[in-house]
Amino acid sequence: MNLAWVTMATEQKHSIYLSEAENRLRQLSPDKLRLAVAIIAYLQKIEENEAIEKLLLNIPDFAEYFREIEQKEDELQNTPSNQIASDEEVLQAYLAVEKKWEEVFRHLADS
């Protein structure tokens, strides 16, 4: 199949859906229209999140880095409040997390 034809067919289908959506939206009461807009915004946010997730998961080792960071955050939250880390321990933990994020951003920039 010709790629140009497929692209044109997809754009035409998209245009038909937009036209149908507009016709239906015009028939709604203001309250229902507000709800429809909220649903559309929600769907758009899901689509953006899925695109970001795909992008991030294509970065080598990103999932591993992310799990490590989450695990360290969980460990920190599960630490009793009477166990206060020294300034040096806090600094070292912060630097370790910063280093991981720098690696993630570097991988993102390289991809």
PDB file of N, CA and C in Angstrom:
ATOM      1  N   MET A   1       0.832  -1.180   0.000  1.00  0.00           N
ATOM      2  CA  MET A   1       0.000   0.000   0.000  1.00  0.00           C
ATOM      3  C   MET A   1       0.881   1.249   0.000  1.00  0.00           C
ATOM      4  N   ASN A   2       0.462   2.247  -0.685  1.00  0.00           N
ATOM      5  CA  ASN A   2       1.209   3.489  -0.785  1.00  0.00           C
ATOM      6  C   ASN A   2       1.096   4.267   0.523  1.00  0.00           C
ATOM      7  N   LEU A   3       2.237   4.711   1.055  1.00  0.00           N
ATOM      8  CA  LEU A   3       2.265   5.425   2.331  1.00  0.00           C
ATOM      9  C   LEU A   3       1.475   6.728   2.257  1.00  0.00           C
ATOM     10  N   ALA A   4       1.570   7.441   1.145  1.00  0.00           N
ATOM     11  CA  ALA A   4       0.828   8.696   0.977  1.00  0.00           C
ATOM     12  C   ALA A   4      -0.671   8.434   1.040  1.00  0.00           C
ATOM     13  N   TRP A   5      -1.118   7.334   0.432  1.00  0.00           N
ATOM     14  CA  TRP A   5      -2.545   7.008   0.444  1.00  0.00           C
ATOM     15  C   TRP A   5      -3.009   6.691   1.866  1.00  0.00           C
ATOM     16  N   VAL A   6      -2.209   5.936   2.587  1.00  0.00           N
ATOM     17  CA  VAL A   6      -2.548   5.576   3.973  1.00  0.00           C
ATOM     18  C   VAL A   6      -2.615   6.830   4.833  1.00  0.00           C
ATOM     19  N   THR A   7      -1.647   7.730   4.664  1.00  0.00           N
ATOM     20  CA  THR A   7      -1.628   8.981   5.426  1.00  0.00           C
ATOM     21  C   THR A   7      -2.859   9.815   5.115  1.00  0.00           C
ATOM     22  N   MET A   8      -3.206   9.914   3.831  1.00  0.00           N
ATOM     23  CA  MET A   8      -4.378  10.690   3.428  1.00  0.00           C
ATOM     24  C   MET A   8      -5.654  10.076   3.996  1.00  0.00           C
ATOM     25  N   ALA A   9      -5.758   8.762   3.957  1.00  0.00           N
ATOM     26  CA  ALA A   9      -6.937   8.082   4.496  1.00  0.00           C
ATOM     27  C   ALA A   9      -7.046   8.306   5.997  1.00  0.00           C
ATOM     28  N   THR A  10      -5.920   8.269   6.697  1.00  0.00           N
ATOM     29  CA  THR A  10      -5.914   8.499   8.139  1.00  0.00           C
ATOM     30  C   THR A  10      -6.348   9.926   8.462  1.00  0.00           C
ATOM     31  N   GLU A  11      -5.814  10.887   7.706  1.00  0.00           N
ATOM     32  CA  GLU A  11      -6.186  12.294   7.922  1.00  0.00           C
ATOM     33  C   GLU A  11      -7.658  12.523   7.627  1.00  0.00           C
ATOM     34  N   GLN A  12      -8.170  11.860   6.593  1.00  0.00           N
ATOM     35  CA  GLN A  12      -9.585  12.002   6.246  1.00  0.00           C
ATOM     36  C   GLN A  12     -10.464  11.421   7.359  1.00  0.00           C
ATOM     37  N   LYS A  13     -10.076  10.282   7.882  1.00  0.00           N
ATOM     38  CA  LYS A  13     -10.827   9.663   8.980  1.00  0.00           C
ATOM     39  C   LYS A  13     -10.802  10.576  10.204  1.00  0.00           C
ATOM     40  N   HIS A  14      -9.632  11.153  10.484  1.00  0.00           N
ATOM     41  CA  HIS A  14      -9.473  12.070  11.611  1.00  0.00           C
ATOM     42  C   HIS A  14     -10.411  13.266  11.444  1.00  0.00           C
ATOM     43  N   SER A  15     -10.460  13.798  10.242  1.00  0.00           N
ATOM     44  CA  SER A  15     -11.321  14.949   9.953  1.00  0.00           C
ATOM     45  C   SER A  15     -12.802  14.600  10.140  1.00  0.00           C
ATOM     46  N   ILE A  16     -13.177  13.414   9.723  1.00  0.00           N
ATOM     47  CA  ILE A  16     -14.576  12.967   9.891  1.00  0.00           C
ATOM     48  C   ILE A  16     -14.909  12.855  11.373  1.00  0.00           C
ATOM     49  N   TYR A  17     -13.998  12.279  12.162  1.00  0.00           N
ATOM     50  CA  TYR A  17     -14.240  12.157  13.604  1.00  0.00           C
ATOM     51  C   TYR A  17     -14.362  13.526  14.268  1.00  0.00           C
ATOM     52  N   LEU A  18     -13.481  14.459  13.873  1.00  0.00           N
ATOM     53  CA  LEU A  18     -13.553  15.806  14.442  1.00  0.00           C
ATOM     54  C   LEU A  18     -14.884  16.477  14.112  1.00  0.00           C
ATOM     55  N   SER A  19     -15.326  16.317  12.884  1.00  0.00           N
ATOM     56  CA  SER A  19     -16.595  16.909  12.460  1.00  0.00           C
ATOM     57  C   SER A  19     -17.763  16.299  13.239  1.00  0.00           C
ATOM     58  N   GLU A  20     -17.749  14.993  13.385  1.00  0.00           N
ATOM     59  CA  GLU A  20     -18.808  14.321  14.144  1.00  0.00           C
ATOM     60  C   GLU A  20     -18.796  14.753  15.609  1.00  0.00           C
ATOM     61  N   ALA A  21     -17.599  14.854  16.193  1.00  0.00           N
ATOM     62  CA  ALA A  21     -17.485  15.282  17.584  1.00  0.00           C
ATOM     63  C   ALA A  21     -18.030  16.700  17.743  1.00  0.00           C
ATOM     64  N   GLU A  22     -17.660  17.586  16.822  1.00  0.00           N
ATOM     65  CA  GLU A  22     -18.148  18.968  16.900  1.00  0.00           C
ATOM     66  C   GLU A  22     -19.674  19.021  16.809  1.00  0.00           C
ATOM     67  N   ASN A  23     -20.251  18.251  15.884  1.00  0.00           N
ATOM     68  CA  ASN A  23     -21.716  18.220  15.753  1.00  0.00           C
ATOM     69  C   ASN A  23     -22.376  17.742  17.039  1.00  0.00           C
ATOM     70  N   ARG A  24     -21.815  16.710  17.633  1.00  0.00           N
ATOM     71  CA  ARG A  24     -22.402  16.178  18.876  1.00  0.00           C
ATOM     72  C   ARG A  24     -22.218  17.156  20.042  1.00  0.00           C
ATOM     73  N   LEU A  25     -21.038  17.780  20.125  1.00  0.00           N
ATOM     74  CA  LEU A  25     -20.777  18.739  21.205  1.00  0.00           C
ATOM     75  C   LEU A  25     -21.736  19.927  21.132  1.00  0.00           C
ATOM     76  N   ARG A  26     -22.055  20.380  19.942  1.00  0.00           N
ATOM     77  CA  ARG A  26     -22.970  21.521  19.765  1.00  0.00           C
ATOM     78  C   ARG A  26     -24.381  21.221  20.274  1.00  0.00           C
ATOM     79  N   GLN A  27     -24.726  19.951  20.369  1.00  0.00           N
ATOM     80  CA  GLN A  27     -26.070  19.568  20.811  1.00  0.00           C
ATOM     81  C   GLN A  27     -26.178  19.398  22.328  1.00  0.00           C
ATOM     82  N   LEU A  28     -25.070  19.487  23.030  1.00  0.00           N
ATOM     83  CA  LEU A  28     -25.075  19.258  24.477  1.00  0.00           C
ATOM     84  C   LEU A  28     -25.435  20.517  25.252  1.00  0.00           C
ATOM     85  N   SER A  29     -26.016  20.298  26.429  1.00  0.00           N
ATOM     86  CA  SER A  29     -26.269  21.402  27.346  1.00  0.00           C
ATOM     87  C   SER A  29     -24.917  21.890  27.890  1.00  0.00           C
ATOM     88  N   PRO A  30     -24.874  23.107  28.439  1.00  0.00           N
ATOM     89  CA  PRO A  30     -23.602  23.612  28.980  1.00  0.00           C
ATOM     90  C   PRO A  30     -22.969  22.678  30.017  1.00  0.00           C
ATOM     91  N   ASP A  31     -23.785  22.098  30.891  1.00  0.00           N
ATOM     92  CA  ASP A  31     -23.236  21.191  31.905  1.00  0.00           C
ATOM     93  C   ASP A  31     -22.633  19.942  31.280  1.00  0.00           C
ATOM     94  N   LYS A  32     -23.341  19.375  30.319  1.00  0.00           N
ATOM     95  CA  LYS A  32     -22.826  18.169  29.646  1.00  0.00           C
ATOM     96  C   LYS A  32     -21.611  18.510  28.786  1.00  0.00           C
ATOM     97  N   LEU A  33     -21.599  19.694  28.200  1.00  0.00           N
ATOM     98  CA  LEU A  33     -20.453  20.126  27.407  1.00  0.00           C
ATOM     99  C   LEU A  33     -19.212  20.262  28.292  1.00  0.00           C
ATOM    100  N   ARG A  34     -19.397  20.826  29.476  1.00  0.00           N
ATOM    101  CA  ARG A  34     -18.280  20.951  30.425  1.00  0.00           C
ATOM    102  C   ARG A  34     -17.737  19.570  30.789  1.00  0.00           C
ATOM    103  N   LEU A  35     -18.640  18.608  30.997  1.00  0.00           N
ATOM    104  CA  LEU A  35     -18.228  17.240  31.306  1.00  0.00           C
ATOM    105  C   LEU A  35     -17.480  16.628  30.125  1.00  0.00           C
ATOM    106  N   ALA A  36     -17.970  16.843  28.917  1.00  0.00           N
ATOM    107  CA  ALA A  36     -17.311  16.308  27.718  1.00  0.00           C
ATOM    108  C   ALA A  36     -15.905  16.882  27.571  1.00  0.00           C
ATOM    109  N   VAL A  37     -15.760  18.169  27.828  1.00  0.00           N
ATOM    110  CA  VAL A  37     -14.438  18.797  27.742  1.00  0.00           C
ATOM    111  C   VAL A  37     -13.500  18.193  28.782  1.00  0.00           C
ATOM    112  N   ALA A  38     -14.009  17.938  29.973  1.00  0.00           N
ATOM    113  CA  ALA A  38     -13.186  17.323  31.019  1.00  0.00           C
ATOM    114  C   ALA A  38     -12.749  15.918  30.608  1.00  0.00           C
ATOM    115  N   ILE A  39     -13.646  15.177  29.990  1.00  0.00           N
ATOM    116  CA  ILE A  39     -13.307  13.821  29.539  1.00  0.00           C
ATOM    117  C   ILE A  39     -12.258  13.888  28.432  1.00  0.00           C
ATOM    118  N   ILE A  40     -12.428  14.818  27.503  1.00  0.00           N
ATOM    119  CA  ILE A  40     -11.456  14.970  26.416  1.00  0.00           C
ATOM    120  C   ILE A  40     -10.093  15.354  26.987  1.00  0.00           C
ATOM    121  N   ALA A  41     -10.067  16.250  27.946  1.00  0.00           N
ATOM    122  CA  ALA A  41      -8.800  16.653  28.570  1.00  0.00           C
ATOM    123  C   ALA A  41      -8.143  15.457  29.256  1.00  0.00           C
ATOM    124  N   TYR A  42      -8.962  14.646  29.914  1.00  0.00           N
ATOM    125  CA  TYR A  42      -8.442  13.443  30.572  1.00  0.00           C
ATOM    126  C   TYR A  42      -7.829  12.483  29.550  1.00  0.00           C
ATOM    127  N   LEU A  43      -8.530  12.253  28.439  1.00  0.00           N
ATOM    128  CA  LEU A  43      -8.023  11.363  27.396  1.00  0.00           C
ATOM    129  C   LEU A  43      -6.738  11.905  26.776  1.00  0.00           C
ATOM    130  N   GLN A  44      -6.687  13.215  26.602  1.00  0.00           N
ATOM    131  CA  GLN A  44      -5.486  13.835  26.063  1.00  0.00           C
ATOM    132  C   GLN A  44      -4.305  13.636  27.013  1.00  0.00           C
ATOM    133  N   LYS A  45      -4.540  13.798  28.306  1.00  0.00           N
ATOM    134  CA  LYS A  45      -3.479  13.613  29.294  1.00  0.00           C
ATOM    135  C   LYS A  45      -2.980  12.166  29.283  1.00  0.00           C
ATOM    136  N   ILE A  46      -3.898  11.218  29.155  1.00  0.00           N
ATOM    137  CA  ILE A  46      -3.504   9.799  29.077  1.00  0.00           C
ATOM    138  C   ILE A  46      -2.620   9.573  27.863  1.00  0.00           C
ATOM    139  N   GLU A  47      -3.000  10.146  26.729  1.00  0.00           N
ATOM    140  CA  GLU A  47      -2.215   9.979  25.506  1.00  0.00           C
ATOM    141  C   GLU A  47      -0.825  10.584  25.666  1.00  0.00           C
ATOM    142  N   GLU A  48      -0.744  11.761  26.276  1.00  0.00           N
ATOM    143  CA  GLU A  48       0.565  12.394  26.517  1.00  0.00           C
ATOM    144  C   GLU A  48       1.416  11.535  27.434  1.00  0.00           C
ATOM    145  N   ASN A  49       0.808  11.004  28.500  1.00  0.00           N
ATOM    146  CA  ASN A  49       1.554  10.166  29.445  1.00  0.00           C
ATOM    147  C   ASN A  49       2.062   8.895  28.776  1.00  0.00           C
ATOM    148  N   GLU A  50       1.232   8.302  27.897  1.00  0.00           N
ATOM    149  CA  GLU A  50       1.663   7.096  27.194  1.00  0.00           C
ATOM    150  C   GLU A  50       2.839   7.396  26.279  1.00  0.00           C
ATOM    151  N   ALA A  51       2.806   8.546  25.614  1.00  0.00           N
ATOM    152  CA  ALA A  51       3.909   8.926  24.726  1.00  0.00           C
ATOM    153  C   ALA A  51       5.190   9.152  25.533  1.00  0.00           C
ATOM    154  N   ILE A  52       5.067   9.827  26.663  1.00  0.00           N
ATOM    155  CA  ILE A  52       6.233  10.072  27.519  1.00  0.00           C
ATOM    156  C   ILE A  52       6.779   8.752  28.045  1.00  0.00           C
ATOM    157  N   GLU A  53       5.872   7.862  28.461  1.00  0.00           N
ATOM    158  CA  GLU A  53       6.298   6.559  28.986  1.00  0.00           C
ATOM    159  C   GLU A  53       7.054   5.767  27.918  1.00  0.00           C
ATOM    160  N   LYS A  54       6.537   5.758  26.685  1.00  0.00           N
ATOM    161  CA  LYS A  54       7.233   5.051  25.606  1.00  0.00           C
ATOM    162  C   LYS A  54       8.619   5.630  25.388  1.00  0.00           C
ATOM    163  N   LEU A  55       8.700   6.947  25.386  1.00  0.00           N
ATOM    164  CA  LEU A  55       9.981   7.620  25.183  1.00  0.00           C
ATOM    165  C   LEU A  55      10.963   7.246  26.290  1.00  0.00           C
ATOM    166  N   LEU A  56      10.513   7.320  27.534  1.00  0.00           N
ATOM    167  CA  LEU A  56      11.399   7.032  28.660  1.00  0.00           C
ATOM    168  C   LEU A  56      11.813   5.571  28.704  1.00  0.00           C
ATOM    169  N   LEU A  57      10.881   4.672  28.384  1.00  0.00           N
ATOM    170  CA  LEU A  57      11.211   3.249  28.437  1.00  0.00           C
ATOM    171  C   LEU A  57      12.156   2.834  27.320  1.00  0.00           C
ATOM    172  N   ASN A  58      12.287   3.665  26.290  1.00  0.00           N
ATOM    173  CA  ASN A  58      13.249   3.380  25.228  1.00  0.00           C
ATOM    174  C   ASN A  58      14.665   3.798  25.603  1.00  0.00           C
ATOM    175  N   ILE A  59      14.795   4.522  26.698  1.00  0.00           N
ATOM    176  CA  ILE A  59      16.122   4.910  27.168  1.00  0.00           C
ATOM    177  C   ILE A  59      16.733   3.699  27.869  1.00  0.00           C
ATOM    178  N   PRO A  60      17.935   3.304  27.450  1.00  0.00           N
ATOM    179  CA  PRO A  60      18.553   2.138  28.088  1.00  0.00           C
ATOM    180  C   PRO A  60      18.651   2.312  29.605  1.00  0.00           C
ATOM    181  N   ASP A  61      18.230   1.293  30.330  1.00  0.00           N
ATOM    182  CA  ASP A  61      18.334   1.218  31.786  1.00  0.00           C
ATOM    183  C   ASP A  61      17.441   2.210  32.537  1.00  0.00           C
ATOM    184  N   PHE A  62      16.557   2.936  31.842  1.00  0.00           N
ATOM    185  CA  PHE A  62      15.721   3.910  32.545  1.00  0.00           C
ATOM    186  C   PHE A  62      14.829   3.230  33.582  1.00  0.00           C
ATOM    187  N   ALA A  63      14.188   2.136  33.191  1.00  0.00           N
ATOM    188  CA  ALA A  63      13.284   1.444  34.118  1.00  0.00           C
ATOM    189  C   ALA A  63      14.032   1.007  35.371  1.00  0.00           C
ATOM    190  N   GLU A  64      15.260   0.519  35.191  1.00  0.00           N
ATOM    191  CA  GLU A  64      16.069   0.090  36.335  1.00  0.00           C
ATOM    192  C   GLU A  64      16.393   1.293  37.240  1.00  0.00           C
ATOM    193  N   TYR A  65      16.816   2.400  36.647  1.00  0.00           N
ATOM    194  CA  TYR A  65      17.124   3.599  37.430  1.00  0.00           C
ATOM    195  C   TYR A  65      15.892   4.068  38.196  1.00  0.00           C
ATOM    196  N   PHE A  66      14.770   4.073  37.522  1.00  0.00           N
ATOM    197  CA  PHE A  66      13.535   4.541  38.144  1.00  0.00           C
ATOM    198  C   PHE A  66      13.151   3.654  39.324  1.00  0.00           C
ATOM    199  N   ARG A  67      13.251   2.324  39.147  1.00  0.00           N
ATOM    200  CA  ARG A  67      12.942   1.398  40.251  1.00  0.00           C
ATOM    201  C   ARG A  67      13.871   1.621  41.436  1.00  0.00           C
ATOM    202  N   GLU A  68      15.152   1.851  41.151  1.00  0.00           N
ATOM    203  CA  GLU A  68      16.115   2.105  42.231  1.00  0.00           C
ATOM    204  C   GLU A  68      15.743   3.364  43.007  1.00  0.00           C
ATOM    205  N   ILE A  69      15.379   4.395  42.298  1.00  0.00           N
ATOM    206  CA  ILE A  69      15.004   5.652  42.950  1.00  0.00           C
ATOM    207  C   ILE A  69      13.745   5.456  43.787  1.00  0.00           C
ATOM    208  N   GLU A  70      12.753   4.763  43.218  1.00  0.00           N
ATOM    209  CA  GLU A  70      11.533   4.491  43.981  1.00  0.00           C
ATOM    210  C   GLU A  70      11.837   3.676  45.231  1.00  0.00           C
ATOM    211  N   GLN A  71      12.706   2.676  45.099  1.00  0.00           N
ATOM    212  CA  GLN A  71      13.059   1.838  46.240  1.00  0.00           C
ATOM    213  C   GLN A  71      13.730   2.671  47.327  1.00  0.00           C
ATOM    214  N   LYS A  72      14.627   3.562  46.930  1.00  0.00           N
ATOM    215  CA  LYS A  72      15.301   4.403  47.918  1.00  0.00           C
ATOM    216  C   LYS A  72      14.303   5.343  48.602  1.00  0.00           C
ATOM    217  N   GLU A  73      13.342   5.854  47.842  1.00  0.00           N
ATOM    218  CA  GLU A  73      12.322   6.705  48.438  1.00  0.00           C
ATOM    219  C   GLU A  73      11.464   5.917  49.421  1.00  0.00           C
ATOM    220  N   ASP A  74      11.103   4.673  49.055  1.00  0.00           N
ATOM    221  CA  ASP A  74      10.324   3.823  49.957  1.00  0.00           C
ATOM    222  C   ASP A  74      11.097   3.528  51.232  1.00  0.00           C
ATOM    223  N   GLU A  75      12.376   3.231  51.084  1.00  0.00           N
ATOM    224  CA  GLU A  75      13.207   2.955  52.260  1.00  0.00           C
ATOM    225  C   GLU A  75      13.262   4.173  53.169  1.00  0.00           C
ATOM    226  N   LEU A  76      13.374   5.345  52.580  1.00  0.00           N
ATOM    227  CA  LEU A  76      13.431   6.574  53.364  1.00  0.00           C
ATOM    228  C   LEU A  76      12.112   6.810  54.095  1.00  0.00           C
ATOM    229  N   GLN A  77      10.991   6.556  53.418  1.00  0.00           N
ATOM    230  CA  GLN A  77       9.689   6.759  54.053  1.00  0.00           C
ATOM    231  C   GLN A  77       9.441   5.752  55.171  1.00  0.00           C
ATOM    232  N   ASN A  78      10.035   4.564  55.057  1.00  0.00           N
ATOM    233  CA  ASN A  78       9.831   3.530  56.064  1.00  0.00           C
ATOM    234  C   ASN A  78      10.826   3.614  57.217  1.00  0.00           C
ATOM    235  N   THR A  79      11.669   4.620  57.199  1.00  0.00           N
ATOM    236  CA  THR A  79      12.638   4.808  58.279  1.00  0.00           C
ATOM    237  C   THR A  79      11.932   5.476  59.453  1.00  0.00           C
ATOM    238  N   PRO A  80      12.063   4.908  60.653  1.00  0.00           N
ATOM    239  CA  PRO A  80      11.425   5.537  61.816  1.00  0.00           C
ATOM    240  C   PRO A  80      11.922   6.975  61.994  1.00  0.00           C
ATOM    241  N   SER A  81      11.031   7.833  62.436  1.00  0.00           N
ATOM    242  CA  SER A  81      11.376   9.250  62.564  1.00  0.00           C
ATOM    243  C   SER A  81      12.433   9.503  63.634  1.00  0.00           C
ATOM    244  N   ASN A  82      12.641   8.552  64.543  1.00  0.00           N
ATOM    245  CA  ASN A  82      13.661   8.770  65.570  1.00  0.00           C
ATOM    246  C   ASN A  82      15.068   8.443  65.060  1.00  0.00           C
ATOM    247  N   GLN A  83      15.181   7.941  63.837  1.00  0.00           N
ATOM    248  CA  GLN A  83      16.482   7.684  63.232  1.00  0.00           C
ATOM    249  C   GLN A  83      16.783   8.829  62.263  1.00  0.00           C
ATOM    250  N   ILE A  84      17.524   9.776  62.727  1.00  0.00           N
ATOM    251  CA  ILE A  84      17.848  10.937  61.912  1.00  0.00           C
ATOM    252  C   ILE A  84      19.229  10.732  61.318  1.00  0.00           C
ATOM    253  N   ALA A  85      19.316  10.882  60.014  1.00  0.00           N
ATOM    254  CA  ALA A  85      20.596  10.689  59.335  1.00  0.00           C
ATOM    255  C   ALA A  85      21.493  11.892  59.578  1.00  0.00           C
ATOM    256  N   SER A  86      22.757  11.638  59.520  1.00  0.00           N
ATOM    257  CA  SER A  86      23.713  12.740  59.657  1.00  0.00           C
ATOM    258  C   SER A  86      23.683  13.568  58.381  1.00  0.00           C
ATOM    259  N   ASP A  87      24.216  14.772  58.467  1.00  0.00           N
ATOM    260  CA  ASP A  87      24.269  15.643  57.298  1.00  0.00           C
ATOM    261  C   ASP A  87      25.045  14.978  56.162  1.00  0.00           C
ATOM    262  N   GLU A  88      26.102  14.280  56.503  1.00  0.00           N
ATOM    263  CA  GLU A  88      26.917  13.617  55.484  1.00  0.00           C
ATOM    264  C   GLU A  88      26.131  12.510  54.780  1.00  0.00           C
ATOM    265  N   GLU A  89      25.352  11.733  55.542  1.00  0.00           N
ATOM    266  CA  GLU A  89      24.538  10.674  54.947  1.00  0.00           C
ATOM    267  C   GLU A  89      23.488  11.264  54.010  1.00  0.00           C
ATOM    268  N   VAL A  90      22.880  12.343  54.420  1.00  0.00           N
ATOM    269  CA  VAL A  90      21.868  12.996  53.596  1.00  0.00           C
ATOM    270  C   VAL A  90      22.506  13.514  52.309  1.00  0.00           C
ATOM    271  N   LEU A  91      23.652  14.147  52.449  1.00  0.00           N
ATOM    272  CA  LEU A  91      24.346  14.671  51.281  1.00  0.00           C
ATOM    273  C   LEU A  91      24.712  13.550  50.318  1.00  0.00           C
ATOM    274  N   GLN A  92      25.237  12.442  50.827  1.00  0.00           N
ATOM    275  CA  GLN A  92      25.631  11.327  49.968  1.00  0.00           C
ATOM    276  C   GLN A  92      24.417  10.718  49.258  1.00  0.00           C
ATOM    277  N   ALA A  93      23.317  10.574  49.969  1.00  0.00           N
ATOM    278  CA  ALA A  93      22.098  10.042  49.352  1.00  0.00           C
ATOM    279  C   ALA A  93      21.599  10.975  48.259  1.00  0.00           C
ATOM    280  N   TYR A  94      21.632  12.264  48.548  1.00  0.00           N
ATOM    281  CA  TYR A  94      21.192  13.258  47.562  1.00  0.00           C
ATOM    282  C   TYR A  94      22.076  13.198  46.316  1.00  0.00           C
ATOM    283  N   LEU A  95      23.386  13.143  46.509  1.00  0.00           N
ATOM    284  CA  LEU A  95      24.306  13.101  45.376  1.00  0.00           C
ATOM    285  C   LEU A  95      24.112  11.837  44.547  1.00  0.00           C
ATOM    286  N   ALA A  96      23.822  10.718  45.205  1.00  0.00           N
ATOM    287  CA  ALA A  96      23.597   9.460  44.483  1.00  0.00           C
ATOM    288  C   ALA A  96      22.348   9.560  43.603  1.00  0.00           C
ATOM    289  N   VAL A  97      21.283  10.139  44.148  1.00  0.00           N
ATOM    290  CA  VAL A  97      20.054  10.300  43.372  1.00  0.00           C
ATOM    291  C   VAL A  97      20.285  11.279  42.226  1.00  0.00           C
ATOM    292  N   GLU A  98      20.966  12.372  42.499  1.00  0.00           N
ATOM    293  CA  GLU A  98      21.261  13.347  41.447  1.00  0.00           C
ATOM    294  C   GLU A  98      22.067  12.710  40.319  1.00  0.00           C
ATOM    295  N   LYS A  99      23.030  11.864  40.672  1.00  0.00           N
ATOM    296  CA  LYS A  99      23.849  11.205  39.663  1.00  0.00           C
ATOM    297  C   LYS A  99      22.989  10.305  38.784  1.00  0.00           C
ATOM    298  N   LYS A 100      22.075   9.569  39.402  1.00  0.00           N
ATOM    299  CA  LYS A 100      21.185   8.687  38.630  1.00  0.00           C
ATOM    300  C   LYS A 100      20.340   9.509  37.662  1.00  0.00           C
ATOM    301  N   TRP A 101      19.774  10.621  38.144  1.00  0.00           N
ATOM    302  CA  TRP A 101      18.932  11.455  37.280  1.00  0.00           C
ATOM    303  C   TRP A 101      19.754  12.084  36.161  1.00  0.00           C
ATOM    304  N   GLU A 102      20.996  12.462  36.440  1.00  0.00           N
ATOM    305  CA  GLU A 102      21.859  12.993  35.389  1.00  0.00           C
ATOM    306  C   GLU A 102      22.073  11.945  34.300  1.00  0.00           C
ATOM    307  N   GLU A 103      22.253  10.690  34.709  1.00  0.00           N
ATOM    308  CA  GLU A 103      22.419   9.612  33.736  1.00  0.00           C
ATOM    309  C   GLU A 103      21.151   9.443  32.906  1.00  0.00           C
ATOM    310  N   VAL A 104      20.008   9.514  33.559  1.00  0.00           N
ATOM    311  CA  VAL A 104      18.737   9.384  32.845  1.00  0.00           C
ATOM    312  C   VAL A 104      18.597  10.515  31.836  1.00  0.00           C
ATOM    313  N   PHE A 105      18.861  11.740  32.254  1.00  0.00           N
ATOM    314  CA  PHE A 105      18.739  12.882  31.350  1.00  0.00           C
ATOM    315  C   PHE A 105      19.748  12.788  30.205  1.00  0.00           C
ATOM    316  N   ARG A 106      20.937  12.286  30.498  1.00  0.00           N
ATOM    317  CA  ARG A 106      21.940  12.122  29.452  1.00  0.00           C
ATOM    318  C   ARG A 106      21.454  11.112  28.418  1.00  0.00           C
ATOM    319  N   HIS A 107      20.886   9.990  28.895  1.00  0.00           N
ATOM    320  CA  HIS A 107      20.348   8.977  27.976  1.00  0.00           C
ATOM    321  C   HIS A 107      19.208   9.569  27.158  1.00  0.00           C
ATOM    322  N   LEU A 108      18.383  10.376  27.795  1.00  0.00           N
ATOM    323  CA  LEU A 108      17.254  11.006  27.101  1.00  0.00           C
ATOM    324  C   LEU A 108      17.766  11.944  26.017  1.00  0.00           C
ATOM    325  N   ALA A 109      18.780  12.712  26.324  1.00  0.00           N
ATOM    326  CA  ALA A 109      19.332  13.657  25.352  1.00  0.00           C
ATOM    327  C   ALA A 109      19.997  12.923  24.192  1.00  0.00           C
ATOM    328  N   ASP A 110      20.585  11.771  24.466  1.00  0.00           N
ATOM    329  CA  ASP A 110      21.272  11.016  23.431  1.00  0.00           C
ATOM    330  C   ASP A 110      20.314  10.243  22.531  1.00  0.00           C
ATOM    331  N   SER A 111      19.081  10.014  23.003  1.00  0.00           N
ATOM    332  CA  SER A 111      18.153   9.204  22.201  1.00  0.00           C
ATOM    333  C   SER A 111      17.331  10.042  21.279  1.00  0.00           C
TER     334      SER A 111
END
